[in-house]
Structure formats: structure tokens, C-alpha cells
Amino acid sequence: MNDKRAVDALLQDLPEVLTVAEVAELMRVDASTVGQWAKDYGLTVITIGPRTRRIRLEDLREFLLHSDEHHD
């Protein structure tokens, strides 16, 4: 499990719902990487219509807290 304080500090002051682009920018990765996290590692993404995806802050927090436990 990753350090809760570090994750919480990273996420403080962010809105409750984020776009994929916002998550990608925050984590300094490509948006396609965020999609891979959802597909391969269980990051919960809310899909609205055919092209709109959003990530709840609480889901991102849980993913980041446990992301070091995911292995190929």
C-alpha cells in the first residue's frame, strides 16, 4: 500500500470528479495510460455517453493507494 499521506497530499484541493485528461496531467502520463489503468488494473471510470469518461476522486485515491500491489 502506498503512503496515505502522500496520496492525500497529491489529491488535496481537487474536484470530486475528474476528466481522464486531468488525471493524466496530474500523474504526468498519457491519457491512454489512464485508460490502461482502468482496463488492466481496475481504476473505476464512469462512462457517460459514447465518449465522455470521468473518474471520481475517491476512486482515484483508492487506486493510487493500492497501485503498488498490481503486478503483471
PDB file of N, CA and C in Angstrom:
ATOM      1  N   MET A   1       0.843  -1.178   0.000  1.00  0.00           N
ATOM      2  CA  MET A   1       0.000   0.000   0.000  1.00  0.00           C
ATOM      3  C   MET A   1       0.890   1.243   0.000  1.00  0.00           C
ATOM      4  N   ASN A   2       0.532   2.183  -0.850  1.00  0.00           N
ATOM      5  CA  ASN A   2       1.260   3.440  -0.895  1.00  0.00           C
ATOM      6  C   ASN A   2       0.923   4.305   0.315  1.00  0.00           C
ATOM      7  N   ASP A   3       1.771   5.272   0.577  1.00  0.00           N
ATOM      8  CA  ASP A   3       1.638   6.167   1.729  1.00  0.00           C
ATOM      9  C   ASP A   3       0.371   7.021   1.612  1.00  0.00           C
ATOM     10  N   LYS A   4      -0.544   6.858   2.552  1.00  0.00           N
ATOM     11  CA  LYS A   4      -1.811   7.594   2.530  1.00  0.00           C
ATOM     12  C   LYS A   4      -1.594   9.096   2.563  1.00  0.00           C
ATOM     13  N   ARG A   5      -0.638   9.540   3.355  1.00  0.00           N
ATOM     14  CA  ARG A   5      -0.385  10.981   3.449  1.00  0.00           C
ATOM     15  C   ARG A   5       0.084  11.550   2.115  1.00  0.00           C
ATOM     16  N   ALA A   6       0.932  10.818   1.433  1.00  0.00           N
ATOM     17  CA  ALA A   6       1.436  11.289   0.144  1.00  0.00           C
ATOM     18  C   ALA A   6       0.312  11.332  -0.901  1.00  0.00           C
ATOM     19  N   VAL A   7      -0.518  10.298  -0.909  1.00  0.00           N
ATOM     20  CA  VAL A   7      -1.635  10.269  -1.847  1.00  0.00           C
ATOM     21  C   VAL A   7      -2.615  11.395  -1.533  1.00  0.00           C
ATOM     22  N   ASP A   8      -2.958  11.562  -0.268  1.00  0.00           N
ATOM     23  CA  ASP A   8      -3.899  12.616   0.111  1.00  0.00           C
ATOM     24  C   ASP A   8      -3.343  14.007  -0.211  1.00  0.00           C
ATOM     25  N   ALA A   9      -2.053  14.196  -0.019  1.00  0.00           N
ATOM     26  CA  ALA A   9      -1.438  15.487  -0.347  1.00  0.00           C
ATOM     27  C   ALA A   9      -1.509  15.754  -1.855  1.00  0.00           C
ATOM     28  N   LEU A  10      -1.302  14.720  -2.648  1.00  0.00           N
ATOM     29  CA  LEU A  10      -1.372  14.849  -4.102  1.00  0.00           C
ATOM     30  C   LEU A  10      -2.780  15.239  -4.554  1.00  0.00           C
ATOM     31  N   LEU A  11      -3.781  14.689  -3.883  1.00  0.00           N
ATOM     32  CA  LEU A  11      -5.156  14.854  -4.321  1.00  0.00           C
ATOM     33  C   LEU A  11      -5.896  16.020  -3.657  1.00  0.00           C
ATOM     34  N   GLN A  12      -5.285  16.634  -2.659  1.00  0.00           N
ATOM     35  CA  GLN A  12      -5.991  17.707  -1.955  1.00  0.00           C
ATOM     36  C   GLN A  12      -6.328  18.841  -2.904  1.00  0.00           C
ATOM     37  N   ASP A  13      -7.452  19.459  -2.652  1.00  0.00           N
ATOM     38  CA  ASP A  13      -7.941  20.613  -3.415  1.00  0.00           C
ATOM     39  C   ASP A  13      -8.400  20.290  -4.834  1.00  0.00           C
ATOM     40  N   LEU A  14      -8.513  19.006  -5.171  1.00  0.00           N
ATOM     41  CA  LEU A  14      -9.030  18.634  -6.486  1.00  0.00           C
ATOM     42  C   LEU A  14     -10.543  18.486  -6.412  1.00  0.00           C
ATOM     43  N   PRO A  15     -11.224  18.643  -7.551  1.00  0.00           N
ATOM     44  CA  PRO A  15     -12.676  18.455  -7.553  1.00  0.00           C
ATOM     45  C   PRO A  15     -13.043  16.981  -7.322  1.00  0.00           C
ATOM     46  N   GLU A  16     -14.280  16.741  -6.970  1.00  0.00           N
ATOM     47  CA  GLU A  16     -14.748  15.381  -6.663  1.00  0.00           C
ATOM     48  C   GLU A  16     -14.792  14.481  -7.887  1.00  0.00           C
ATOM     49  N   VAL A  17     -14.854  15.071  -9.078  1.00  0.00           N
ATOM     50  CA  VAL A  17     -14.899  14.314 -10.326  1.00  0.00           C
ATOM     51  C   VAL A  17     -13.874  14.916 -11.274  1.00  0.00           C
ATOM     52  N   LEU A  18     -13.082  14.039 -11.890  1.00  0.00           N
ATOM     53  CA  LEU A  18     -12.005  14.478 -12.781  1.00  0.00           C
ATOM     54  C   LEU A  18     -12.180  13.889 -14.172  1.00  0.00           C
ATOM     55  N   THR A  19     -11.683  14.585 -15.165  1.00  0.00           N
ATOM     56  CA  THR A  19     -11.638  14.021 -16.506  1.00  0.00           C
ATOM     57  C   THR A  19     -10.412  13.112 -16.614  1.00  0.00           C
ATOM     58  N   VAL A  20     -10.405  12.291 -17.638  1.00  0.00           N
ATOM     59  CA  VAL A  20      -9.244  11.441 -17.889  1.00  0.00           C
ATOM     60  C   VAL A  20      -8.018  12.313 -18.152  1.00  0.00           C
ATOM     61  N   ALA A  21      -8.211  13.398 -18.877  1.00  0.00           N
ATOM     62  CA  ALA A  21      -7.094  14.310 -19.164  1.00  0.00           C
ATOM     63  C   ALA A  21      -6.538  14.929 -17.888  1.00  0.00           C
ATOM     64  N   GLU A  22      -7.411  15.276 -16.948  1.00  0.00           N
ATOM     65  CA  GLU A  22      -6.945  15.844 -15.678  1.00  0.00           C
ATOM     66  C   GLU A  22      -6.146  14.822 -14.875  1.00  0.00           C
ATOM     67  N   VAL A  23      -6.606  13.586 -14.856  1.00  0.00           N
ATOM     68  CA  VAL A  23      -5.863  12.532 -14.150  1.00  0.00           C
ATOM     69  C   VAL A  23      -4.520  12.308 -14.826  1.00  0.00           C
ATOM     70  N   ALA A  24      -4.518  12.276 -16.143  1.00  0.00           N
ATOM     71  CA  ALA A  24      -3.266  12.079 -16.882  1.00  0.00           C
ATOM     72  C   ALA A  24      -2.279  13.203 -16.592  1.00  0.00           C
ATOM     73  N   GLU A  25      -2.753  14.429 -16.581  1.00  0.00           N
ATOM     74  CA  GLU A  25      -1.880  15.568 -16.290  1.00  0.00           C
ATOM     75  C   GLU A  25      -1.346  15.492 -14.863  1.00  0.00           C
ATOM     76  N   LEU A  26      -2.215  15.169 -13.924  1.00  0.00           N
ATOM     77  CA  LEU A  26      -1.811  15.059 -12.525  1.00  0.00           C
ATOM     78  C   LEU A  26      -0.706  14.020 -12.342  1.00  0.00           C
ATOM     79  N   MET A  27      -0.854  12.892 -13.015  1.00  0.00           N
ATOM     80  CA  MET A  27       0.090  11.787 -12.856  1.00  0.00           C
ATOM     81  C   MET A  27       1.235  11.841 -13.876  1.00  0.00           C
ATOM     82  N   ARG A  28       1.184  12.829 -14.759  1.00  0.00           N
ATOM     83  CA  ARG A  28       2.214  13.029 -15.785  1.00  0.00           C
ATOM     84  C   ARG A  28       2.384  11.809 -16.686  1.00  0.00           C
ATOM     85  N   VAL A  29       1.221  11.328 -17.153  1.00  0.00           N
ATOM     86  CA  VAL A  29       1.187  10.214 -18.102  1.00  0.00           C
ATOM     87  C   VAL A  29       0.261  10.591 -19.245  1.00  0.00           C
ATOM     88  N   ASP A  30       0.251   9.805 -20.300  1.00  0.00           N
ATOM     89  CA  ASP A  30      -0.652   9.999 -21.406  1.00  0.00           C
ATOM     90  C   ASP A  30      -2.059   9.543 -21.015  1.00  0.00           C
ATOM     91  N   ALA A  31      -3.066  10.135 -21.608  1.00  0.00           N
ATOM     92  CA  ALA A  31      -4.448   9.752 -21.316  1.00  0.00           C
ATOM     93  C   ALA A  31      -4.690   8.276 -21.615  1.00  0.00           C
ATOM     94  N   SER A  32      -4.000   7.727 -22.609  1.00  0.00           N
ATOM     95  CA  SER A  32      -4.174   6.302 -22.915  1.00  0.00           C
ATOM     96  C   SER A  32      -3.683   5.422 -21.763  1.00  0.00           C
ATOM     97  N   THR A  33      -2.717   5.909 -21.004  1.00  0.00           N
ATOM     98  CA  THR A  33      -2.237   5.165 -19.838  1.00  0.00           C
ATOM     99  C   THR A  33      -3.332   5.080 -18.781  1.00  0.00           C
ATOM    100  N   VAL A  34      -4.072   6.151 -18.589  1.00  0.00           N
ATOM    101  CA  VAL A  34      -5.187   6.138 -17.640  1.00  0.00           C
ATOM    102  C   VAL A  34      -6.218   5.105 -18.097  1.00  0.00           C
ATOM    103  N   GLY A  35      -6.465   5.036 -19.382  1.00  0.00           N
ATOM    104  CA  GLY A  35      -7.368   4.023 -19.923  1.00  0.00           C
ATOM    105  C   GLY A  35      -6.869   2.614 -19.660  1.00  0.00           C
ATOM    106  N   GLN A  36      -5.562   2.413 -19.772  1.00  0.00           N
ATOM    107  CA  GLN A  36      -4.977   1.095 -19.467  1.00  0.00           C
ATOM    108  C   GLN A  36      -5.115   0.752 -17.989  1.00  0.00           C
ATOM    109  N   TRP A  37      -4.969   1.751 -17.138  1.00  0.00           N
ATOM    110  CA  TRP A  37      -5.160   1.511 -15.704  1.00  0.00           C
ATOM    111  C   TRP A  37      -6.577   1.023 -15.448  1.00  0.00           C
ATOM    112  N   ALA A  38      -7.537   1.611 -16.149  1.00  0.00           N
ATOM    113  CA  ALA A  38      -8.933   1.188 -15.986  1.00  0.00           C
ATOM    114  C   ALA A  38      -9.118  -0.233 -16.516  1.00  0.00           C
ATOM    115  N   LYS A  39      -8.585  -0.498 -17.669  1.00  0.00           N
ATOM    116  CA  LYS A  39      -8.766  -1.807 -18.314  1.00  0.00           C
ATOM    117  C   LYS A  39      -8.018  -2.915 -17.587  1.00  0.00           C
ATOM    118  N   ASP A  40      -6.772  -2.667 -17.251  1.00  0.00           N
ATOM    119  CA  ASP A  40      -5.907  -3.730 -16.731  1.00  0.00           C
ATOM    120  C   ASP A  40      -5.795  -3.781 -15.212  1.00  0.00           C
ATOM    121  N   TYR A  41      -6.024  -2.656 -14.537  1.00  0.00           N
ATOM    122  CA  TYR A  41      -5.745  -2.606 -13.105  1.00  0.00           C
ATOM    123  C   TYR A  41      -6.916  -2.155 -12.246  1.00  0.00           C
ATOM    124  N   GLY A  42      -8.072  -1.972 -12.839  1.00  0.00           N
ATOM    125  CA  GLY A  42      -9.267  -1.750 -12.054  1.00  0.00           C
ATOM    126  C   GLY A  42      -9.579  -0.331 -11.626  1.00  0.00           C
ATOM    127  N   LEU A  43      -8.932   0.668 -12.222  1.00  0.00           N
ATOM    128  CA  LEU A  43      -9.326   2.046 -11.922  1.00  0.00           C
ATOM    129  C   LEU A  43     -10.761   2.234 -12.403  1.00  0.00           C
ATOM    130  N   THR A  44     -11.643   2.635 -11.529  1.00  0.00           N
ATOM    131  CA  THR A  44     -13.053   2.801 -11.878  1.00  0.00           C
ATOM    132  C   THR A  44     -13.256   4.088 -12.664  1.00  0.00           C
ATOM    133  N   VAL A  45     -13.838   3.936 -13.856  1.00  0.00           N
ATOM    134  CA  VAL A  45     -14.133   5.073 -14.726  1.00  0.00           C
ATOM    135  C   VAL A  45     -15.628   5.071 -15.003  1.00  0.00           C
ATOM    136  N   ILE A  46     -16.241   6.222 -14.881  1.00  0.00           N
ATOM    137  CA  ILE A  46     -17.661   6.374 -15.192  1.00  0.00           C
ATOM    138  C   ILE A  46     -17.761   6.824 -16.645  1.00  0.00           C
ATOM    139  N   THR A  47     -18.533   6.084 -17.433  1.00  0.00           N
ATOM    140  CA  THR A  47     -18.727   6.425 -18.831  1.00  0.00           C
ATOM    141  C   THR A  47     -20.091   7.075 -19.009  1.00  0.00           C
ATOM    142  N   ILE A  48     -20.078   8.238 -19.653  1.00  0.00           N
ATOM    143  CA  ILE A  48     -21.302   8.987 -19.912  1.00  0.00           C
ATOM    144  C   ILE A  48     -21.405   9.146 -21.425  1.00  0.00           C
ATOM    145  N   GLY A  49     -22.334   8.453 -22.020  1.00  0.00           N
ATOM    146  CA  GLY A  49     -22.446   8.508 -23.469  1.00  0.00           C
ATOM    147  C   GLY A  49     -21.287   7.768 -24.122  1.00  0.00           C
ATOM    148  N   PRO A  50     -21.135   7.958 -25.425  1.00  0.00           N
ATOM    149  CA  PRO A  50     -20.124   7.178 -26.143  1.00  0.00           C
ATOM    150  C   PRO A  50     -18.678   7.625 -25.931  1.00  0.00           C
ATOM    151  N   ARG A  51     -18.459   8.884 -25.489  1.00  0.00           N
ATOM    152  CA  ARG A  51     -17.078   9.371 -25.452  1.00  0.00           C
ATOM    153  C   ARG A  51     -16.674  10.090 -24.182  1.00  0.00           C
ATOM    154  N   THR A  52     -17.546  10.256 -23.251  1.00  0.00           N
ATOM    155  CA  THR A  52     -17.238  11.032 -22.055  1.00  0.00           C
ATOM    156  C   THR A  52     -16.944  10.089 -20.898  1.00  0.00           C
ATOM    157  N   ARG A  53     -15.766  10.257 -20.303  1.00  0.00           N
ATOM    158  CA  ARG A  53     -15.374   9.432 -19.166  1.00  0.00           C
ATOM    159  C   ARG A  53     -14.933  10.338 -18.025  1.00  0.00           C
ATOM    160  N   ARG A  54     -15.331   9.938 -16.821  1.00  0.00           N
ATOM    161  CA  ARG A  54     -14.972  10.697 -15.629  1.00  0.00           C
ATOM    162  C   ARG A  54     -14.495   9.737 -14.548  1.00  0.00           C
ATOM    163  N   ILE A  55     -13.663  10.262 -13.669  1.00  0.00           N
ATOM    164  CA  ILE A  55     -13.105   9.465 -12.567  1.00  0.00           C
ATOM    165  C   ILE A  55     -13.388  10.199 -11.265  1.00  0.00           C
ATOM    166  N   ARG A  56     -14.050   9.506 -10.358  1.00  0.00           N
ATOM    167  CA  ARG A  56     -14.318  10.109  -9.048  1.00  0.00           C
ATOM    168  C   ARG A  56     -13.020  10.165  -8.255  1.00  0.00           C
ATOM    169  N   LEU A  57     -12.851  11.241  -7.521  1.00  0.00           N
ATOM    170  CA  LEU A  57     -11.644  11.434  -6.729  1.00  0.00           C
ATOM    171  C   LEU A  57     -11.446  10.279  -5.753  1.00  0.00           C
ATOM    172  N   GLU A  58     -12.511   9.812  -5.129  1.00  0.00           N
ATOM    173  CA  GLU A  58     -12.383   8.709  -4.170  1.00  0.00           C
ATOM    174  C   GLU A  58     -11.925   7.418  -4.856  1.00  0.00           C
ATOM    175  N   ASP A  59     -12.337   7.199  -6.109  1.00  0.00           N
ATOM    176  CA  ASP A  59     -11.879   6.017  -6.844  1.00  0.00           C
ATOM    177  C   ASP A  59     -10.406   6.141  -7.221  1.00  0.00           C
ATOM    178  N   LEU A  60      -9.996   7.338  -7.622  1.00  0.00           N
ATOM    179  CA  LEU A  60      -8.586   7.568  -7.936  1.00  0.00           C
ATOM    180  C   LEU A  60      -7.734   7.363  -6.692  1.00  0.00           C
ATOM    181  N   ARG A  61      -8.199   7.868  -5.562  1.00  0.00           N
ATOM    182  CA  ARG A  61      -7.456   7.707  -4.297  1.00  0.00           C
ATOM    183  C   ARG A  61      -7.256   6.231  -3.976  1.00  0.00           C
ATOM    184  N   GLU A  62      -8.321   5.450  -4.051  1.00  0.00           N
ATOM    185  CA  GLU A  62      -8.214   4.017  -3.759  1.00  0.00           C
ATOM    186  C   GLU A  62      -7.258   3.327  -4.734  1.00  0.00           C
ATOM    187  N   PHE A  63      -7.357   3.692  -5.997  1.00  0.00           N
ATOM    188  CA  PHE A  63      -6.454   3.114  -6.999  1.00  0.00           C
ATOM    189  C   PHE A  63      -5.003   3.442  -6.665  1.00  0.00           C
ATOM    190  N   LEU A  64      -4.720   4.696  -6.351  1.00  0.00           N
ATOM    191  CA  LEU A  64      -3.348   5.093  -6.051  1.00  0.00           C
ATOM    192  C   LEU A  64      -2.827   4.451  -4.771  1.00  0.00           C
ATOM    193  N   LEU A  65      -3.689   4.325  -3.792  1.00  0.00           N
ATOM    194  CA  LEU A  65      -3.256   3.692  -2.542  1.00  0.00           C
ATOM    195  C   LEU A  65      -2.801   2.264  -2.757  1.00  0.00           C
ATOM    196  N   HIS A  66      -3.430   1.586  -3.700  1.00  0.00           N
ATOM    197  CA  HIS A  66      -3.141   0.154  -3.891  1.00  0.00           C
ATOM    198  C   HIS A  66      -2.439  -0.145  -5.219  1.00  0.00           C
ATOM    199  N   SER A  67      -2.062   0.870  -5.960  1.00  0.00           N
ATOM    200  CA  SER A  67      -1.471   0.636  -7.281  1.00  0.00           C
ATOM    201  C   SER A  67      -0.138  -0.101  -7.226  1.00  0.00           C
ATOM    202  N   ASP A  68       0.567   0.007  -6.114  1.00  0.00           N
ATOM    203  CA  ASP A  68       1.841  -0.696  -6.000  1.00  0.00           C
ATOM    204  C   ASP A  68       1.631  -2.199  -5.769  1.00  0.00           C
ATOM    205  N   GLU A  69       0.390  -2.620  -5.563  1.00  0.00           N
ATOM    206  CA  GLU A  69       0.095  -4.037  -5.345  1.00  0.00           C
ATOM    207  C   GLU A  69      -0.215  -4.756  -6.645  1.00  0.00           C
ATOM    208  N   HIS A  70      -0.401  -4.004  -7.741  1.00  0.00           N
ATOM    209  CA  HIS A  70      -0.743  -4.591  -9.040  1.00  0.00           C
ATOM    210  C   HIS A  70       0.535  -5.060  -9.738  1.00  0.00           C
ATOM    211  N   HIS A  71       0.525  -6.301 -10.112  1.00  0.00           N
ATOM    212  CA  HIS A  71       1.680  -6.853 -10.826  1.00  0.00           C
ATOM    213  C   HIS A  71       1.188  -7.590 -12.057  1.00  0.00           C
ATOM    214  N   ASP A  72       1.981  -7.543 -13.116  1.00  0.00           N
ATOM    215  CA  ASP A  72       1.643  -8.303 -14.342  1.00  0.00           C
ATOM    216  C   ASP A  72       1.903  -9.771 -14.165  1.00  0.00           C
TER     217      ASP A  72
END
